[in-house]
C-alpha atoms as a PDB file:
ATOM      1  CA  MET A   1     -26.152  18.954   8.892  1.00  0.00           C
ATOM      2  CA  SER A   2     -24.197  16.962  11.425  1.00  0.00           C
ATOM      3  CA  LEU A   3     -22.206  13.958  10.339  1.00  0.00           C
ATOM      4  CA  LYS A   4     -20.652  13.410  13.753  1.00  0.00           C
ATOM      5  CA  ARG A   5     -20.317   9.662  13.707  1.00  0.00           C
ATOM      6  CA  THR A   6     -17.699   6.984  13.174  1.00  0.00           C
ATOM      7  CA  ALA A   7     -15.754   6.801   9.932  1.00  0.00           C
ATOM      8  CA  VAL A   8     -13.619   3.920   8.710  1.00  0.00           C
ATOM      9  CA  SER A   9     -10.970   5.100   6.291  1.00  0.00           C
ATOM     10  CA  ASN A  10      -9.091   3.416   3.543  1.00  0.00           C
ATOM     11  CA  SER A  11      -5.639   4.671   2.565  1.00  0.00           C
ATOM     12  CA  GLY A  12      -6.739   6.888  -0.321  1.00  0.00           C
ATOM     13  CA  PRO A  13      -8.601   9.576   1.630  1.00  0.00           C
ATOM     14  CA  LEU A  14      -5.842   9.758   4.258  1.00  0.00           C
ATOM     15  CA  ILE A  15      -3.170  10.155   1.590  1.00  0.00           C
ATOM     16  CA  HIS A  16      -5.167  12.577  -0.565  1.00  0.00           C
ATOM     17  CA  LEU A  17      -6.350  14.777   2.294  1.00  0.00           C
ATOM     18  CA  GLY A  18      -2.859  14.660   3.796  1.00  0.00           C
ATOM     19  CA  ARG A  19      -1.284  15.808   0.543  1.00  0.00           C
ATOM     20  CA  THR A  20      -3.693  18.740   0.453  1.00  0.00           C
ATOM     21  CA  THR A  21      -2.990  19.510   4.130  1.00  0.00           C
ATOM     22  CA  CYS A  22      -6.598  19.149   5.199  1.00  0.00           C
ATOM     23  CA  LEU A  23      -6.648  15.947   7.266  1.00  0.00           C
ATOM     24  CA  GLU A  24      -8.132  18.000  10.117  1.00  0.00           C
ATOM     25  CA  LEU A  25     -11.425  18.154   8.213  1.00  0.00           C
ATOM     26  CA  LEU A  26     -11.994  14.532   9.198  1.00  0.00           C
ATOM     27  CA  PHE A  27     -12.330  15.636  12.820  1.00  0.00           C
ATOM     28  CA  VAL A  28     -14.827  18.344  11.909  1.00  0.00           C
ATOM     29  CA  LEU A  29     -17.110  15.733  10.379  1.00  0.00           C
ATOM     30  CA  PHE A  30     -16.531  12.612  12.456  1.00  0.00           C
ATOM     31  CA  ASP A  31     -16.270  11.725  16.147  1.00  0.00           C
ATOM     32  CA  ASN A  32     -14.177   8.608  15.582  1.00  0.00           C
ATOM     33  CA  ILE A  33     -11.808   7.683  12.781  1.00  0.00           C
ATOM     34  CA  LEU A  34     -10.841   4.015  12.501  1.00  0.00           C
ATOM     35  CA  ILE A  35      -8.376   2.394  10.131  1.00  0.00           C
ATOM     36  CA  PRO A  36      -7.582  -1.278   9.662  1.00  0.00           C
ATOM     37  CA  ARG A  37      -4.019  -2.462  10.280  1.00  0.00           C
ATOM     38  CA  LYS A  38      -3.367  -2.892   6.535  1.00  0.00           C
ATOM     39  CA  VAL A  39      -4.241   0.758   5.968  1.00  0.00           C
ATOM     40  CA  TYR A  40      -1.819   1.790   8.732  1.00  0.00           C
ATOM     41  CA  GLU A  41       0.893  -0.363   7.151  1.00  0.00           C
ATOM     42  CA  GLU A  42       0.309   1.188   3.724  1.00  0.00           C
ATOM     43  CA  VAL A  43       0.003   4.816   4.788  1.00  0.00           C
ATOM     44  CA  VAL A  44       2.407   4.990   7.731  1.00  0.00           C
ATOM     45  CA  GLU A  45       4.911   2.152   7.543  1.00  0.00           C
ATOM     46  CA  ARG A  46       5.423   2.055   3.777  1.00  0.00           C
ATOM     47  CA  GLY A  47       4.934   5.801   3.571  1.00  0.00           C
ATOM     48  CA  MET A  48       7.732   6.419   6.071  1.00  0.00           C
ATOM     49  CA  GLU A  49      10.024   4.061   4.146  1.00  0.00           C
ATOM     50  CA  GLN A  50       9.323   6.180   1.050  1.00  0.00           C
ATOM     51  CA  GLY A  51       9.703   9.484   2.878  1.00  0.00           C
ATOM     52  CA  ALA A  52       6.074  10.520   2.366  1.00  0.00           C
ATOM     53  CA  PRO A  53       5.243  13.512   4.615  1.00  0.00           C
ATOM     54  CA  VAL A  54       1.653  12.326   5.069  1.00  0.00           C
ATOM     55  CA  ALA A  55       2.953   9.163   6.769  1.00  0.00           C
ATOM     56  CA  LEU A  56       4.311  11.146   9.696  1.00  0.00           C
ATOM     57  CA  CYS A  57       1.080  13.177   9.975  1.00  0.00           C
ATOM     58  CA  VAL A  58      -1.067  10.034  10.144  1.00  0.00           C
ATOM     59  CA  LYS A  59       1.345   8.367  12.578  1.00  0.00           C
ATOM     60  CA  GLU A  60       1.094  11.386  14.893  1.00  0.00           C
ATOM     61  CA  LEU A  61      -2.716  11.271  14.728  1.00  0.00           C
ATOM     62  CA  VAL A  62      -2.633   7.578  15.643  1.00  0.00           C
ATOM     63  CA  ASP A  63      -0.121   8.195  18.436  1.00  0.00           C
ATOM     64  CA  GLN A  64      -2.370  10.989  19.786  1.00  0.00           C
ATOM     65  CA  GLY A  65      -5.397   8.680  19.719  1.00  0.00           C
ATOM     66  CA  LYS A  66      -7.228  10.771  17.129  1.00  0.00           C
ATOM     67  CA  ILE A  67      -7.176   7.855  14.679  1.00  0.00           C
ATOM     68  CA  ALA A  68      -7.550   4.321  16.025  1.00  0.00           C
ATOM     69  CA  VAL A  69      -6.167   1.205  14.360  1.00  0.00           C
ATOM     70  CA  GLN A  70      -8.767  -1.562  14.593  1.00  0.00           C
ATOM     71  CA  GLN A  71      -8.869  -4.869  12.819  1.00  0.00           C
ATOM     72  CA  PRO A  72     -12.145  -6.283  11.516  1.00  0.00           C
ATOM     73  CA  LYS A  73     -13.197  -9.443  13.324  1.00  0.00           C
ATOM     74  CA  SER A  74     -13.607 -11.254  10.041  1.00  0.00           C
ATOM     75  CA  SER A  75     -12.192 -10.660   6.618  1.00  0.00           C
ATOM     76  CA  PHE A  76     -14.215  -9.703   3.604  1.00  0.00           C
ATOM     77  CA  LYS A  77     -13.277 -11.996   0.762  1.00  0.00           C
ATOM     78  CA  ILE A  78     -13.469 -10.980  -2.838  1.00  0.00           C
ATOM     79  CA  ASP A  79     -11.212 -11.818  -5.754  1.00  0.00           C
ATOM     80  CA  HIS A  80      -9.221  -8.605  -5.982  1.00  0.00           C
ATOM     81  CA  SER A  81      -7.385  -9.890  -9.051  1.00  0.00           C
ATOM     82  CA  VAL A  82     -10.712  -9.502 -10.859  1.00  0.00           C
ATOM     83  CA  THR A  83     -12.050  -6.392  -9.124  1.00  0.00           C
ATOM     84  CA  GLY A  84      -8.797  -4.518  -8.500  1.00  0.00           C
ATOM     85  CA  ILE A  85      -9.864  -3.939  -4.891  1.00  0.00           C
ATOM     86  CA  HIS A  86      -6.883  -3.975  -2.529  1.00  0.00           C
ATOM     87  CA  SER A  87      -6.698  -5.719   0.838  1.00  0.00           C
ATOM     88  CA  GLY A  88      -6.781  -2.413   2.773  1.00  0.00           C
ATOM     89  CA  GLU A  89     -10.007  -1.458   1.019  1.00  0.00           C
ATOM     90  CA  LEU A  90     -11.481  -4.876   1.760  1.00  0.00           C
ATOM     91  CA  ASP A  91     -10.548  -4.568   5.438  1.00  0.00           C
ATOM     92  CA  ALA A  92     -12.025  -1.061   5.618  1.00  0.00           C
ATOM     93  CA  ILE A  93     -15.275  -2.371   4.135  1.00  0.00           C
ATOM     94  CA  ALA A  94     -15.246  -5.408   6.479  1.00  0.00           C
ATOM     95  CA  LEU A  95     -14.675  -3.179   9.519  1.00  0.00           C
ATOM     96  CA  ALA A  96     -17.438  -0.808   8.446  1.00  0.00           C
ATOM     97  CA  LEU A  97     -19.838  -3.740   8.086  1.00  0.00           C
ATOM     98  CA  GLU A  98     -19.199  -4.671  11.741  1.00  0.00           C
ATOM     99  CA  LEU A  99     -20.058  -1.212  13.093  1.00  0.00           C
ATOM    100  CA  LEU A 100     -23.358   0.525  13.739  1.00  0.00           C
ATOM    101  CA  ASP A 101     -24.052   3.130  11.035  1.00  0.00           C
ATOM    102  CA  PRO A 102     -20.487   4.080  10.078  1.00  0.00           C
ATOM    103  CA  VAL A 103     -19.301   6.061   7.094  1.00  0.00           C
ATOM    104  CA  VAL A 104     -16.625   4.358   5.024  1.00  0.00           C
ATOM    105  CA  LEU A 105     -14.088   6.703   3.446  1.00  0.00           C
ATOM    106  CA  LEU A 106     -13.132   5.495  -0.017  1.00  0.00           C
ATOM    107  CA  ASP A 107     -11.899   7.277  -3.139  1.00  0.00           C
ATOM    108  CA  ASP A 108     -11.535   4.295  -5.469  1.00  0.00           C
ATOM    109  CA  HIS A 109     -14.495   3.828  -7.784  1.00  0.00           C
ATOM    110  CA  GLY A 110     -14.491   0.020  -7.608  1.00  0.00           C
ATOM    111  CA  SER A 111     -14.389  -0.161  -3.825  1.00  0.00           C
ATOM    112  CA  ARG A 112     -17.094   2.517  -3.603  1.00  0.00           C
ATOM    113  CA  ASN A 113     -19.340   0.399  -5.826  1.00  0.00           C
ATOM    114  CA  ILE A 114     -18.826  -2.685  -3.662  1.00  0.00           C
ATOM    115  CA  ALA A 115     -19.451  -0.727  -0.441  1.00  0.00           C
ATOM    116  CA  ARG A 116     -22.575   0.852  -1.940  1.00  0.00           C
ATOM    117  CA  THR A 117     -23.849  -2.600  -2.977  1.00  0.00           C
ATOM    118  CA  LEU A 118     -23.400  -3.717   0.635  1.00  0.00           C
ATOM    119  CA  GLY A 119     -25.506  -0.814   1.875  1.00  0.00           C
ATOM    120  CA  LEU A 120     -22.686   1.199   3.426  1.00  0.00           C
ATOM    121  CA  THR A 121     -22.658   4.989   3.591  1.00  0.00           C
ATOM    122  CA  ILE A 122     -19.679   6.250   1.603  1.00  0.00           C
ATOM    123  CA  LYS A 123     -17.774   9.507   1.657  1.00  0.00           C
ATOM    124  CA  SER A 124     -14.891  10.476  -0.614  1.00  0.00           C
ATOM    125  CA  SER A 125     -12.149  13.044  -0.136  1.00  0.00           C
ATOM    126  CA  LEU A 126     -14.166  15.393  -2.328  1.00  0.00           C
ATOM    127  CA  GLY A 127     -17.248  14.768  -0.214  1.00  0.00           C
ATOM    128  CA  ILE A 128     -15.304  15.596   2.937  1.00  0.00           C
ATOM    129  CA  ILE A 129     -14.295  18.963   1.490  1.00  0.00           C
ATOM    130  CA  HIS A 130     -17.842  19.636   0.264  1.00  0.00           C
ATOM    131  CA  ASP A 131     -19.410  18.770   3.613  1.00  0.00           C
ATOM    132  CA  SER A 132     -16.859  20.897   5.456  1.00  0.00           C
ATOM    133  CA  VAL A 133     -17.911  23.887   3.370  1.00  0.00           C
ATOM    134  CA  LYS A 134     -21.580  23.036   3.886  1.00  0.00           C
ATOM    135  CA  LEU A 135     -21.063  22.961   7.662  1.00  0.00           C
ATOM    136  CA  GLY A 136     -19.231  26.277   7.553  1.00  0.00           C
ATOM    137  CA  ALA A 137     -15.985  24.759   8.821  1.00  0.00           C
ATOM    138  CA  ILE A 138     -14.192  26.221   5.803  1.00  0.00           C
ATOM    139  CA  SER A 139     -15.150  28.942   3.350  1.00  0.00           C
ATOM    140  CA  VAL A 140     -16.343  28.359  -0.194  1.00  0.00           C
ATOM    141  CA  ASP A 141     -13.092  29.868  -1.480  1.00  0.00           C
ATOM    142  CA  ASN A 142     -11.039  27.557   0.717  1.00  0.00           C
ATOM    143  CA  GLY A 143     -13.142  24.594  -0.445  1.00  0.00           C
ATOM    144  CA  VAL A 144     -12.517  25.498  -4.097  1.00  0.00           C
ATOM    145  CA  THR A 145      -8.793  25.823  -3.394  1.00  0.00           C
ATOM    146  CA  LEU A 146      -8.713  22.436  -1.646  1.00  0.00           C
ATOM    147  CA  VAL A 147     -10.550  20.747  -4.530  1.00  0.00           C
ATOM    148  CA  ARG A 148      -7.986  22.185  -6.936  1.00  0.00           C
ATOM    149  CA  LYS A 149      -5.157  20.883  -4.730  1.00  0.00           C
ATOM    150  CA  LEU A 150      -6.890  17.530  -4.486  1.00  0.00           C
ATOM    151  CA  ALA A 151      -7.079  17.336  -8.286  1.00  0.00           C
ATOM    152  CA  ARG A 152      -3.266  17.494  -8.291  1.00  0.00           C
ATOM    153  CA  ALA A 153      -3.002  14.818  -5.580  1.00  0.00           C
ATOM    154  CA  MET A 154      -5.354  12.261  -7.136  1.00  0.00           C
ATOM    155  CA  TYR A 155      -6.966  11.411 -10.443  1.00  0.00           C
ATOM    156  CA  LEU A 156     -10.226  13.250 -11.102  1.00  0.00           C
ATOM    157  CA  THR A 157     -12.108  13.340 -14.358  1.00  0.00           C
ATOM    158  CA  SER A 158     -12.924  16.833 -15.594  1.00  0.00           C
ATOM    159  CA  GLU A 159     -16.624  16.021 -15.147  1.00  0.00           C
ATOM    160  CA  VAL A 160     -16.204  15.125 -11.470  1.00  0.00           C
ATOM    161  CA  PHE A 161     -13.937  18.123 -10.879  1.00  0.00           C
ATOM    162  CA  ASP A 162     -16.423  20.543 -12.487  1.00  0.00           C
ATOM    163  CA  TYR A 163     -19.386  18.952 -10.703  1.00  0.00           C
ATOM    164  CA  VAL A 164     -17.835  19.205  -7.248  1.00  0.00           C
ATOM    165  CA  LEU A 165     -16.700  22.796  -7.830  1.00  0.00           C
ATOM    166  CA  SER A 166     -20.207  23.765  -8.935  1.00  0.00           C
ATOM    167  CA  ARG A 167     -21.733  22.067  -5.867  1.00  0.00           C
ATOM    168  CA  ILE A 168     -19.359  23.915  -3.559  1.00  0.00           C
ATOM    169  CA  ARG A 169     -19.955  27.261  -5.284  1.00  0.00           C
ATOM    170  CA  MET A 170     -23.712  26.750  -4.857  1.00  0.00           C
ATOM    171  CA  LEU A 171     -23.121  26.900  -1.089  1.00  0.00           C
ATOM    172  CA  GLU A 172     -22.187  30.610  -1.258  1.00  0.00           C
END
């Protein structure tokens, strides 16, 4: 299984993977990581104002050229007051729609549904950990540990948590 392709990330996966100290898994799975400017502003600029450690990590990755900030050519309009979808998520979806066969990294259920409706390939933070185990980049035990850490960094229902753990354990 080789996912090596371009990924467009929203803020959630960067923050969640950063909090679990496994941002490097993105580079195991993807050749290119792109983020829209609004995502950079949310994760890095606002994160640094709030003293969030993940902000500095993401800034360093951008400064090193491992993550590129790229604006979509056109905006994707949807009434986020109705859907709850934020502007960074909309820009990530819009940027993904402009690229050839990208993966869009989204953790929010609503934005995942919209991206899926638009025919985009989606990967969540949990999916990144799962695929990293599947590729042998990390062990099953490490994958289980990371999922447990992730459950403390983001909201997961017990059903999703149990499902992902069982899928990872099946890879032993």
